[in-house]
């Protein structure tokens, strides 16, 4: 079973190495391919990735002009190889929880009727390279709206289509709402999939833009459901009742 990890990144030189390491740590149990799109970084992100790729055949780097995260995600979708059985995402400043990928992919391997596995994230305020050792006593854990906590069949992503490039924030919310409207067979897990980093350089520090993007995506979902009542409900998928204003005001998923 081959897992393809898609990573859009922009100016993440501080953390990209640890993000990649969290993926490569599962090479002993999974056939891994990592595709990274550097969205026109102005720091050393691309050079750091290339230096790792030079000795790591599992990594493929694609460099593009800066067009935003939605364009980067679409470039990644277009780059998924036919040999890939499963797909997930990871941002360049986050990290997978140790052991998670192997266990989650095994669930999908054992039940071919499942379209995806969807877990939880742990929000951590950190500037450390390795977040795995950070204290988690005050961290927020939730089944939030994040591409990174899902593992998907490529056929499901093909059914959803492309990311809407008119979004600068909330493109993942729009995409996941469209995905779950299809009514996929999902395994909902309470395990932590991703350590979701909060730091001063986070794109979602622009809380107003994040809220606008989330609201726009939600309104789009409501309009589609009114036009087509046969679309599946997303109730019960996301633990939005646990999120409240805290996550919105700190770093919305």
Protein backbone atom coordinates (compact mmCIF):
# COMPACT_ATOMS: atom_id res chain seq x y z
CA UNK A 1 0.00 0.00 0.00
CA UNK A 2 1.47 3.31 -1.14
CA UNK A 3 0.71 6.58 0.65
CA UNK A 4 1.28 9.87 -1.13
CA UNK A 5 1.76 12.86 1.19
CA UNK A 6 1.04 16.24 -0.43
CA UNK A 7 2.73 19.26 1.13
CA UNK A 8 2.12 22.87 0.05
CA UNK A 9 4.69 25.20 1.56
CA UNK A 10 5.68 28.84 1.58
CA UNK A 11 8.52 30.32 3.64
CA UNK A 12 8.71 27.43 6.13
CA UNK A 13 12.49 27.10 6.30
CA UNK A 14 12.36 26.92 10.11
CA UNK A 15 10.05 23.92 10.26
CA UNK A 16 10.01 22.10 6.91
CA UNK A 17 12.73 19.67 7.99
CA UNK A 18 10.80 18.46 11.02
CA UNK A 19 7.58 18.18 8.99
CA UNK A 20 9.34 15.94 6.47
CA UNK A 21 10.96 13.91 9.26
CA UNK A 22 7.55 13.17 10.78
CA UNK A 23 6.53 11.58 7.47
CA UNK A 24 9.75 9.68 6.82
CA UNK A 25 9.62 8.13 10.30
CA UNK A 26 6.94 5.76 9.01
CA UNK A 27 8.98 4.41 6.07
CA UNK A 28 9.50 1.10 7.87
CA UNK A 29 5.77 0.29 7.72
CA UNK A 30 4.55 2.21 4.64
CA UNK A 31 5.58 2.81 1.07
CA UNK A 32 5.77 6.62 1.15
CA UNK A 33 6.00 9.28 -1.54
CA UNK A 34 6.20 12.95 -0.54
CA UNK A 35 5.34 15.61 -3.11
CA UNK A 36 6.16 19.15 -2.04
CA UNK A 37 5.09 22.28 -3.88
CA UNK A 38 7.14 25.30 -2.92
CA UNK A 39 4.85 28.25 -3.66
CA UNK A 40 7.53 30.78 -4.55
CA UNK A 41 9.23 30.93 -1.14
CA UNK A 42 11.60 33.84 -0.59
CA UNK A 43 13.54 32.10 2.18
CA UNK A 44 15.56 28.86 2.02
CA UNK A 45 12.57 26.48 2.05
CA UNK A 46 13.12 25.08 -1.44
CA UNK A 47 16.86 24.68 -0.92
CA UNK A 48 16.33 22.80 2.35
CA UNK A 49 13.81 20.47 0.71
CA UNK A 50 16.10 19.87 -2.26
CA UNK A 51 19.02 19.04 0.01
CA UNK A 52 16.90 16.40 1.76
CA UNK A 53 15.53 15.12 -1.56
CA UNK A 54 19.05 14.64 -2.90
CA UNK A 55 19.50 11.73 -0.49
CA UNK A 56 15.83 10.73 -0.11
CA UNK A 57 14.24 9.29 -3.27
CA UNK A 58 10.79 9.38 -1.69
CA UNK A 59 10.69 13.19 -2.02
CA UNK A 60 9.70 15.11 -5.14
CA UNK A 61 9.96 18.91 -5.14
CA UNK A 62 7.93 21.12 -7.48
CA UNK A 63 8.79 24.82 -7.51
CA UNK A 64 6.21 27.34 -8.71
CA UNK A 65 5.67 31.07 -8.76
CA UNK A 66 3.79 32.40 -5.75
CA UNK A 67 0.09 31.96 -6.54
CA UNK A 68 -1.33 31.05 -3.13
CA UNK A 69 -2.15 27.89 -1.25
CA UNK A 70 -5.16 26.88 -3.39
CA UNK A 71 -3.05 26.88 -6.54
CA UNK A 72 -0.35 24.93 -4.70
CA UNK A 73 -2.87 22.33 -3.55
CA UNK A 74 -4.22 21.93 -7.09
CA UNK A 75 -0.69 21.45 -8.41
CA UNK A 76 -0.28 18.71 -5.83
CA UNK A 77 -3.54 17.02 -6.82
CA UNK A 78 -2.41 17.01 -10.45
CA UNK A 79 0.88 15.40 -9.41
CA UNK A 80 -0.63 12.36 -7.62
CA UNK A 81 0.86 9.29 -9.34
CA UNK A 82 -1.30 6.42 -10.61
CA UNK A 83 0.64 4.09 -8.31
CA UNK A 84 -0.72 5.84 -5.21
CA UNK A 85 -3.30 3.97 -3.11
CA UNK A 86 -3.93 6.62 -0.46
CA UNK A 87 -3.40 10.38 -0.17
CA UNK A 88 -3.01 12.78 2.71
CA UNK A 89 -1.81 16.37 3.20
CA UNK A 90 0.57 18.08 5.59
CA UNK A 91 1.44 21.77 5.91
CA UNK A 92 5.12 22.64 6.03
CA UNK A 93 5.04 23.81 9.64
CA UNK A 94 3.07 20.90 11.12
CA UNK A 95 3.90 17.27 11.93
CA UNK A 96 2.22 13.89 12.00
CA UNK A 97 1.78 12.22 15.36
CA UNK A 98 4.24 9.35 15.81
CA UNK A 99 2.79 6.04 14.63
CA UNK A 100 -0.44 7.52 13.32
CA UNK A 101 0.02 7.06 9.57
CA UNK A 102 0.76 3.36 9.78
CA UNK A 103 -2.27 2.57 11.94
CA UNK A 104 -4.67 4.71 9.92
CA UNK A 105 -3.55 3.32 6.57
CA UNK A 106 -3.93 -0.22 7.89
CA UNK A 107 -7.59 0.49 8.69
CA UNK A 108 -8.16 1.55 5.09
CA UNK A 109 -6.22 -1.45 3.79
CA UNK A 110 -8.39 -3.81 5.84
CA UNK A 111 -11.69 -2.27 4.69
CA UNK A 112 -11.72 -1.39 1.01
CA UNK A 113 -15.29 -0.08 1.32
CA UNK A 114 -14.00 2.94 3.25
CA UNK A 115 -13.34 6.12 1.27
CA UNK A 116 -11.37 7.91 3.96
CA UNK A 117 -10.08 7.94 7.51
CA UNK A 118 -10.66 11.16 9.48
CA UNK A 119 -9.10 11.77 12.89
CA UNK A 120 -8.26 14.70 15.19
CA UNK A 121 -5.63 17.41 15.48
CA UNK A 122 -3.75 18.78 18.46
CA UNK A 123 -3.19 22.54 18.39
CA UNK A 124 0.22 23.37 19.87
CA UNK A 125 1.84 26.76 20.35
CA UNK A 126 5.45 26.01 19.51
CA UNK A 127 8.55 27.30 17.80
CA UNK A 128 10.50 24.11 18.53
CA UNK A 129 11.67 21.94 15.65
CA UNK A 130 10.33 18.75 17.23
CA UNK A 131 6.79 19.26 18.52
CA UNK A 132 6.41 15.62 19.56
CA UNK A 133 8.03 16.36 22.92
CA UNK A 134 6.04 19.54 23.63
CA UNK A 135 3.76 19.51 26.73
CA UNK A 136 0.13 19.06 25.75
CA UNK A 137 -1.66 19.89 28.98
CA UNK A 138 -3.21 23.08 27.61
CA UNK A 139 -3.48 21.99 23.99
CA UNK A 140 -6.77 21.89 22.14
CA UNK A 141 -7.66 18.52 20.62
CA UNK A 142 -10.58 18.35 18.19
CA UNK A 143 -11.89 16.71 15.04
CA UNK A 144 -11.50 19.98 13.22
CA UNK A 145 -11.67 21.04 9.58
CA UNK A 146 -8.23 20.24 8.18
CA UNK A 147 -7.04 18.39 5.09
CA UNK A 148 -4.17 16.95 7.12
CA UNK A 149 -6.30 14.83 9.46
CA UNK A 150 -7.84 12.92 6.58
CA UNK A 151 -6.41 10.03 4.57
CA UNK A 152 -8.23 9.70 1.26
CA UNK A 153 -8.69 7.32 -1.63
CA UNK A 154 -7.49 9.09 -4.80
CA UNK A 155 -10.85 8.32 -6.42
CA UNK A 156 -12.64 10.33 -3.72
CA UNK A 157 -10.43 13.36 -4.31
CA UNK A 158 -11.03 13.04 -8.05
CA UNK A 159 -14.78 13.13 -7.39
CA UNK A 160 -14.48 16.35 -5.40
CA UNK A 161 -12.29 18.04 -8.01
CA UNK A 162 -10.04 21.06 -7.56
CA UNK A 163 -9.64 23.58 -4.78
CA UNK A 164 -11.39 26.89 -5.42
CA UNK A 165 -8.55 29.29 -6.20
CA UNK A 166 -10.64 32.34 -5.32
CA UNK A 167 -10.07 31.46 -1.64
CA UNK A 168 -7.07 32.94 0.15
CA UNK A 169 -8.30 31.52 3.48
CA UNK A 170 -10.77 28.72 4.09
CA UNK A 171 -10.00 26.74 0.93
CA UNK A 172 -9.68 23.57 3.00
CA UNK A 173 -13.06 24.21 4.66
CA UNK A 174 -14.72 24.65 1.28
CA UNK A 175 -13.03 21.52 -0.07
CA UNK A 176 -13.90 19.29 2.89
CA UNK A 177 -17.52 20.45 2.94
CA UNK A 178 -17.80 19.55 -0.75
CA UNK A 179 -16.13 16.21 -0.03
CA UNK A 180 -18.44 15.21 2.82
CA UNK A 181 -21.50 16.37 0.83
CA UNK A 182 -20.79 13.36 -1.41
CA UNK A 183 -21.58 11.05 1.50
CA UNK A 184 -18.31 9.08 1.53
CA UNK A 185 -17.82 6.03 3.73
CA UNK A 186 -15.68 7.42 6.52
CA UNK A 187 -13.93 5.94 9.52
CA UNK A 188 -14.03 8.60 12.25
CA UNK A 189 -11.14 8.21 14.67
CA UNK A 190 -10.47 9.79 18.05
CA UNK A 191 -6.73 9.47 17.59
CA UNK A 192 -4.51 12.51 17.10
CA UNK A 193 -3.34 12.63 13.50
CA UNK A 194 -1.50 15.93 13.31
CA UNK A 195 0.28 18.35 15.60
CA UNK A 196 -1.01 21.67 14.28
CA UNK A 197 1.51 24.39 14.97
CA UNK A 198 0.63 27.87 16.23
CA UNK A 199 3.39 30.46 15.74
CA UNK A 200 3.78 34.08 14.74
CA UNK A 201 4.27 33.27 11.07
CA UNK A 202 1.05 31.25 10.73
CA UNK A 203 -1.06 32.34 7.78
CA UNK A 204 -4.14 32.06 9.98
CA UNK A 205 -2.84 34.76 12.31
CA UNK A 206 -5.02 36.96 10.09
CA UNK A 207 -8.08 35.98 12.09
CA UNK A 208 -10.47 38.24 10.21
CA UNK A 209 -9.52 36.75 6.84
CA UNK A 210 -9.78 33.27 8.36
CA UNK A 211 -13.26 33.97 9.69
CA UNK A 212 -14.36 35.42 6.35
CA UNK A 213 -13.09 32.38 4.50
CA UNK A 214 -14.77 29.98 6.91
CA UNK A 215 -18.07 31.88 6.73
CA UNK A 216 -17.96 32.00 2.94
CA UNK A 217 -17.33 28.24 2.74
CA UNK A 218 -20.16 27.52 5.17
CA UNK A 219 -22.59 29.72 3.23
CA UNK A 220 -21.61 27.88 0.04
CA UNK A 221 -22.44 24.59 1.74
CA UNK A 222 -25.83 25.90 2.83
CA UNK A 223 -26.63 27.13 -0.69
CA UNK A 224 -25.70 23.81 -2.25
CA UNK A 225 -27.86 21.91 0.24
CA UNK A 226 -30.83 24.16 -0.52
CA UNK A 227 -30.40 23.57 -4.23
CA UNK A 228 -29.87 19.84 -3.80
CA UNK A 229 -31.39 18.37 -0.63
CA UNK A 230 -29.94 14.97 -1.59
CA UNK A 231 -26.45 16.13 -0.65
CA UNK A 232 -25.18 14.43 2.48
CA UNK A 233 -25.19 16.26 5.80
CA UNK A 234 -21.88 17.06 7.50
CA UNK A 235 -23.40 16.89 10.97
CA UNK A 236 -21.46 14.59 13.24
CA UNK A 237 -18.25 14.79 11.23
CA UNK A 238 -16.56 17.83 12.76
CA UNK A 239 -16.40 18.45 16.51
CA UNK A 240 -17.36 22.07 16.06
CA UNK A 241 -19.07 22.18 19.45
CA UNK A 242 -15.65 21.68 21.03
CA UNK A 243 -13.99 24.38 18.99
CA UNK A 244 -15.99 27.44 20.00
CA UNK A 245 -14.43 30.86 19.83
CA UNK A 246 -11.09 29.71 21.27
CA UNK A 247 -9.88 28.03 18.09
CA UNK A 248 -11.36 30.72 15.86
CA UNK A 249 -9.51 33.40 17.78
CA UNK A 250 -6.23 31.49 17.98
CA UNK A 251 -5.83 29.54 14.80
CA UNK A 252 -8.88 28.36 12.93
CA UNK A 253 -8.54 25.02 11.09
